[in-house]
Amino acid sequence: MYDVTVPVNHYRKDSRPVVGSFLNRLAHEGFTPTHVDDGEGWEKLPPSPHPFAAAREMVTAVDDSNVHFKHKDGGTLTVYFILANDPEEIAADWSVTRGETSEAMERAWSEFSRIWEGRDWPKKGGENA
């Protein structure tokens, strides 16, 4: 007979810093999240004061989701998040409505990828959790 007891403090990835990092890059490029579909249909986010915090909480509560953004120049962006991917691959797909919006997304993605490529997921509860 084998002992299959799992320690209480087993490794669990913390997706909040990774998702937050990508959302920060999008904010820097002029995007604001407006709606999230976490599998239950599109839900409108509060316009202020913290739509990014609300989006991060909804995205990190499920394995995959879609987030719709408005860009400061009037375009829109929809990002499909898959948290089962490596950190630098959380945005599995995206679509944009204008060229300026596409360029802004590419800049955000390039900077995010530079930061997270090859890194492991952060752990919940600290490094020794």
C-alpha atoms as a PDB file:
ATOM      1  CA  MET A   1       0.000   0.000   0.000  1.00  0.00           C
ATOM      2  CA  TYR A   2       1.251   3.487  -0.891  1.00  0.00           C
ATOM      3  CA  ASP A   3       0.950   6.606   1.185  1.00  0.00           C
ATOM      4  CA  VAL A   4      -0.632   9.223  -1.081  1.00  0.00           C
ATOM      5  CA  THR A   5      -0.965  11.926   1.545  1.00  0.00           C
ATOM      6  CA  VAL A   6      -0.590  15.368   0.018  1.00  0.00           C
ATOM      7  CA  PRO A   7       1.089  17.990   2.212  1.00  0.00           C
ATOM      8  CA  VAL A   8      -1.199  20.819   3.273  1.00  0.00           C
ATOM      9  CA  ASN A   9       1.206  23.452   1.888  1.00  0.00           C
ATOM     10  CA  HIS A  10       1.639  21.927  -1.580  1.00  0.00           C
ATOM     11  CA  TYR A  11       2.779  24.106  -4.494  1.00  0.00           C
ATOM     12  CA  ARG A  12       0.068  26.304  -6.015  1.00  0.00           C
ATOM     13  CA  LYS A  13       0.769  28.913  -8.643  1.00  0.00           C
ATOM     14  CA  ASP A  14      -0.281  32.475  -8.036  1.00  0.00           C
ATOM     15  CA  SER A  15      -1.577  33.926 -11.292  1.00  0.00           C
ATOM     16  CA  ARG A  16      -2.422  37.351  -9.836  1.00  0.00           C
ATOM     17  CA  PRO A  17       1.061  38.911 -10.282  1.00  0.00           C
ATOM     18  CA  VAL A  18       1.310  37.664 -13.880  1.00  0.00           C
ATOM     19  CA  VAL A  19      -2.169  38.797 -14.917  1.00  0.00           C
ATOM     20  CA  GLY A  20      -1.662  42.071 -13.049  1.00  0.00           C
ATOM     21  CA  SER A  21       1.628  42.632 -14.859  1.00  0.00           C
ATOM     22  CA  PHE A  22      -0.008  42.187 -18.264  1.00  0.00           C
ATOM     23  CA  LEU A  23      -2.932  44.443 -17.314  1.00  0.00           C
ATOM     24  CA  ASN A  24      -0.421  47.087 -16.171  1.00  0.00           C
ATOM     25  CA  ARG A  25       1.298  46.949 -19.557  1.00  0.00           C
ATOM     26  CA  LEU A  26      -2.083  47.379 -21.276  1.00  0.00           C
ATOM     27  CA  ALA A  27      -2.931  50.343 -19.027  1.00  0.00           C
ATOM     28  CA  HIS A  28       0.418  51.924 -19.903  1.00  0.00           C
ATOM     29  CA  GLU A  29      -0.540  51.650 -23.594  1.00  0.00           C
ATOM     30  CA  GLY A  30      -3.929  53.325 -23.071  1.00  0.00           C
ATOM     31  CA  PHE A  31      -6.301  50.362 -22.631  1.00  0.00           C
ATOM     32  CA  THR A  32      -9.101  50.147 -20.058  1.00  0.00           C
ATOM     33  CA  PRO A  33     -11.011  46.897 -19.399  1.00  0.00           C
ATOM     34  CA  THR A  34     -14.778  47.213 -19.855  1.00  0.00           C
ATOM     35  CA  HIS A  35     -16.191  43.640 -19.778  1.00  0.00           C
ATOM     36  CA  VAL A  36     -15.122  40.131 -18.711  1.00  0.00           C
ATOM     37  CA  ASP A  37     -16.553  36.793 -19.812  1.00  0.00           C
ATOM     38  CA  ASP A  38     -15.479  34.170 -17.271  1.00  0.00           C
ATOM     39  CA  GLY A  39     -17.660  31.444 -18.762  1.00  0.00           C
ATOM     40  CA  GLU A  40     -20.927  32.857 -17.441  1.00  0.00           C
ATOM     41  CA  GLY A  41     -21.390  35.512 -20.153  1.00  0.00           C
ATOM     42  CA  TRP A  42     -20.103  39.062 -20.506  1.00  0.00           C
ATOM     43  CA  GLU A  43     -20.147  41.100 -17.298  1.00  0.00           C
ATOM     44  CA  LYS A  44     -19.633  44.873 -17.357  1.00  0.00           C
ATOM     45  CA  LEU A  45     -16.829  46.134 -15.130  1.00  0.00           C
ATOM     46  CA  PRO A  46     -17.203  49.211 -12.938  1.00  0.00           C
ATOM     47  CA  PRO A  47     -15.825  52.185 -14.896  1.00  0.00           C
ATOM     48  CA  SER A  48     -13.927  53.503 -11.912  1.00  0.00           C
ATOM     49  CA  PRO A  49     -12.141  53.599  -9.641  1.00  0.00           C
ATOM     50  CA  HIS A  50     -10.683  50.095 -10.168  1.00  0.00           C
ATOM     51  CA  PRO A  51     -11.702  48.323 -13.393  1.00  0.00           C
ATOM     52  CA  PHE A  52      -8.238  46.734 -13.626  1.00  0.00           C
ATOM     53  CA  ALA A  53      -8.493  45.233 -10.133  1.00  0.00           C
ATOM     54  CA  ALA A  54     -11.950  43.856 -10.928  1.00  0.00           C
ATOM     55  CA  ALA A  55     -10.695  42.393 -14.222  1.00  0.00           C
ATOM     56  CA  ARG A  56      -7.697  40.772 -12.502  1.00  0.00           C
ATOM     57  CA  GLU A  57      -9.899  39.188  -9.849  1.00  0.00           C
ATOM     58  CA  MET A  58     -12.318  37.778 -12.430  1.00  0.00           C
ATOM     59  CA  VAL A  59      -9.574  36.483 -14.749  1.00  0.00           C
ATOM     60  CA  THR A  60      -7.632  34.787 -11.953  1.00  0.00           C
ATOM     61  CA  ALA A  61     -10.754  33.117 -10.526  1.00  0.00           C
ATOM     62  CA  VAL A  62     -11.129  30.792 -13.554  1.00  0.00           C
ATOM     63  CA  ASP A  63      -8.914  28.801 -15.919  1.00  0.00           C
ATOM     64  CA  ASP A  64      -9.792  30.795 -19.032  1.00  0.00           C
ATOM     65  CA  SER A  65     -11.663  33.988 -19.791  1.00  0.00           C
ATOM     66  CA  ASN A  66     -12.099  36.822 -22.288  1.00  0.00           C
ATOM     67  CA  VAL A  67     -11.578  40.483 -21.461  1.00  0.00           C
ATOM     68  CA  HIS A  68     -12.791  43.355 -23.631  1.00  0.00           C
ATOM     69  CA  PHE A  69     -10.854  46.655 -23.543  1.00  0.00           C
ATOM     70  CA  LYS A  70     -11.353  50.131 -24.969  1.00  0.00           C
ATOM     71  CA  HIS A  71      -8.320  52.025 -26.218  1.00  0.00           C
ATOM     72  CA  LYS A  72      -7.782  55.750 -25.665  1.00  0.00           C
ATOM     73  CA  ASP A  73      -7.821  56.273 -29.460  1.00  0.00           C
ATOM     74  CA  GLY A  74     -11.245  54.633 -29.814  1.00  0.00           C
ATOM     75  CA  GLY A  75     -10.309  51.116 -30.873  1.00  0.00           C
ATOM     76  CA  THR A  76     -11.167  47.951 -28.986  1.00  0.00           C
ATOM     77  CA  LEU A  77      -9.257  44.853 -27.952  1.00  0.00           C
ATOM     78  CA  THR A  78     -10.456  41.446 -26.789  1.00  0.00           C
ATOM     79  CA  VAL A  79      -7.947  39.126 -25.094  1.00  0.00           C
ATOM     80  CA  TYR A  80      -8.459  35.402 -24.450  1.00  0.00           C
ATOM     81  CA  PHE A  81      -6.604  34.426 -21.257  1.00  0.00           C
ATOM     82  CA  ILE A  82      -5.591  30.814 -20.544  1.00  0.00           C
ATOM     83  CA  LEU A  83      -3.956  30.436 -17.142  1.00  0.00           C
ATOM     84  CA  ALA A  84      -2.855  26.849 -17.792  1.00  0.00           C
ATOM     85  CA  ASN A  85      -0.201  28.222 -20.166  1.00  0.00           C
ATOM     86  CA  ASP A  86       3.254  29.392 -19.143  1.00  0.00           C
ATOM     87  CA  PRO A  87       3.288  32.928 -17.698  1.00  0.00           C
ATOM     88  CA  GLU A  88       4.493  34.557 -20.923  1.00  0.00           C
ATOM     89  CA  GLU A  89       1.698  32.809 -22.864  1.00  0.00           C
ATOM     90  CA  ILE A  90      -1.360  33.760 -20.774  1.00  0.00           C
ATOM     91  CA  ALA A  91      -2.830  35.828 -23.616  1.00  0.00           C
ATOM     92  CA  ALA A  92      -3.576  32.908 -25.910  1.00  0.00           C
ATOM     93  CA  ASP A  93      -5.312  35.014 -28.555  1.00  0.00           C
ATOM     94  CA  TRP A  94      -6.504  38.555 -29.155  1.00  0.00           C
ATOM     95  CA  SER A  95      -8.374  40.663 -31.687  1.00  0.00           C
ATOM     96  CA  VAL A  96      -8.348  44.418 -32.344  1.00  0.00           C
ATOM     97  CA  THR A  97     -10.485  46.852 -34.334  1.00  0.00           C
ATOM     98  CA  ARG A  98      -7.912  49.471 -35.437  1.00  0.00           C
ATOM     99  CA  GLY A  99      -4.281  49.653 -36.509  1.00  0.00           C
ATOM    100  CA  GLU A 100      -3.302  51.980 -33.651  1.00  0.00           C
ATOM    101  CA  THR A 101      -4.883  49.549 -31.213  1.00  0.00           C
ATOM    102  CA  SER A 102      -2.931  46.662 -32.732  1.00  0.00           C
ATOM    103  CA  GLU A 103       0.348  48.567 -32.417  1.00  0.00           C
ATOM    104  CA  ALA A 104      -0.397  49.425 -28.781  1.00  0.00           C
ATOM    105  CA  MET A 105      -1.215  45.776 -28.023  1.00  0.00           C
ATOM    106  CA  GLU A 106       2.004  44.627 -29.700  1.00  0.00           C
ATOM    107  CA  ARG A 107       4.040  47.040 -27.563  1.00  0.00           C
ATOM    108  CA  ALA A 108       2.291  45.861 -24.380  1.00  0.00           C
ATOM    109  CA  TRP A 109       2.758  42.210 -25.308  1.00  0.00           C
ATOM    110  CA  SER A 110       6.407  42.682 -26.255  1.00  0.00           C
ATOM    111  CA  GLU A 111       7.248  44.321 -22.935  1.00  0.00           C
ATOM    112  CA  PHE A 112       5.222  41.778 -20.923  1.00  0.00           C
ATOM    113  CA  SER A 113       6.915  38.878 -22.745  1.00  0.00           C
ATOM    114  CA  ARG A 114      10.350  40.377 -22.126  1.00  0.00           C
ATOM    115  CA  ILE A 115       9.609  40.469 -18.385  1.00  0.00           C
ATOM    116  CA  TRP A 116       8.010  37.007 -18.026  1.00  0.00           C
ATOM    117  CA  GLU A 117       9.622  34.805 -20.702  1.00  0.00           C
ATOM    118  CA  GLY A 118      11.269  31.770 -19.146  1.00  0.00           C
ATOM    119  CA  ARG A 119      10.111  32.588 -15.617  1.00  0.00           C
ATOM    120  CA  ASP A 120       8.153  30.221 -13.409  1.00  0.00           C
ATOM    121  CA  TRP A 121       4.754  31.047 -11.979  1.00  0.00           C
ATOM    122  CA  PRO A 122       4.935  32.810  -8.602  1.00  0.00           C
ATOM    123  CA  LYS A 123       3.810  30.617  -5.720  1.00  0.00           C
ATOM    124  CA  LYS A 124       0.938  31.336  -3.354  1.00  0.00           C
ATOM    125  CA  GLY A 125       2.053  31.708   0.228  1.00  0.00           C
ATOM    126  CA  GLY A 126       5.666  32.507  -0.587  1.00  0.00           C
ATOM    127  CA  GLU A 127       8.572  30.608  -2.057  1.00  0.00           C
ATOM    128  CA  ASN A 128       8.416  27.749   0.459  1.00  0.00           C
ATOM    129  CA  ALA A 129       4.673  27.201   0.338  1.00  0.00           C
END
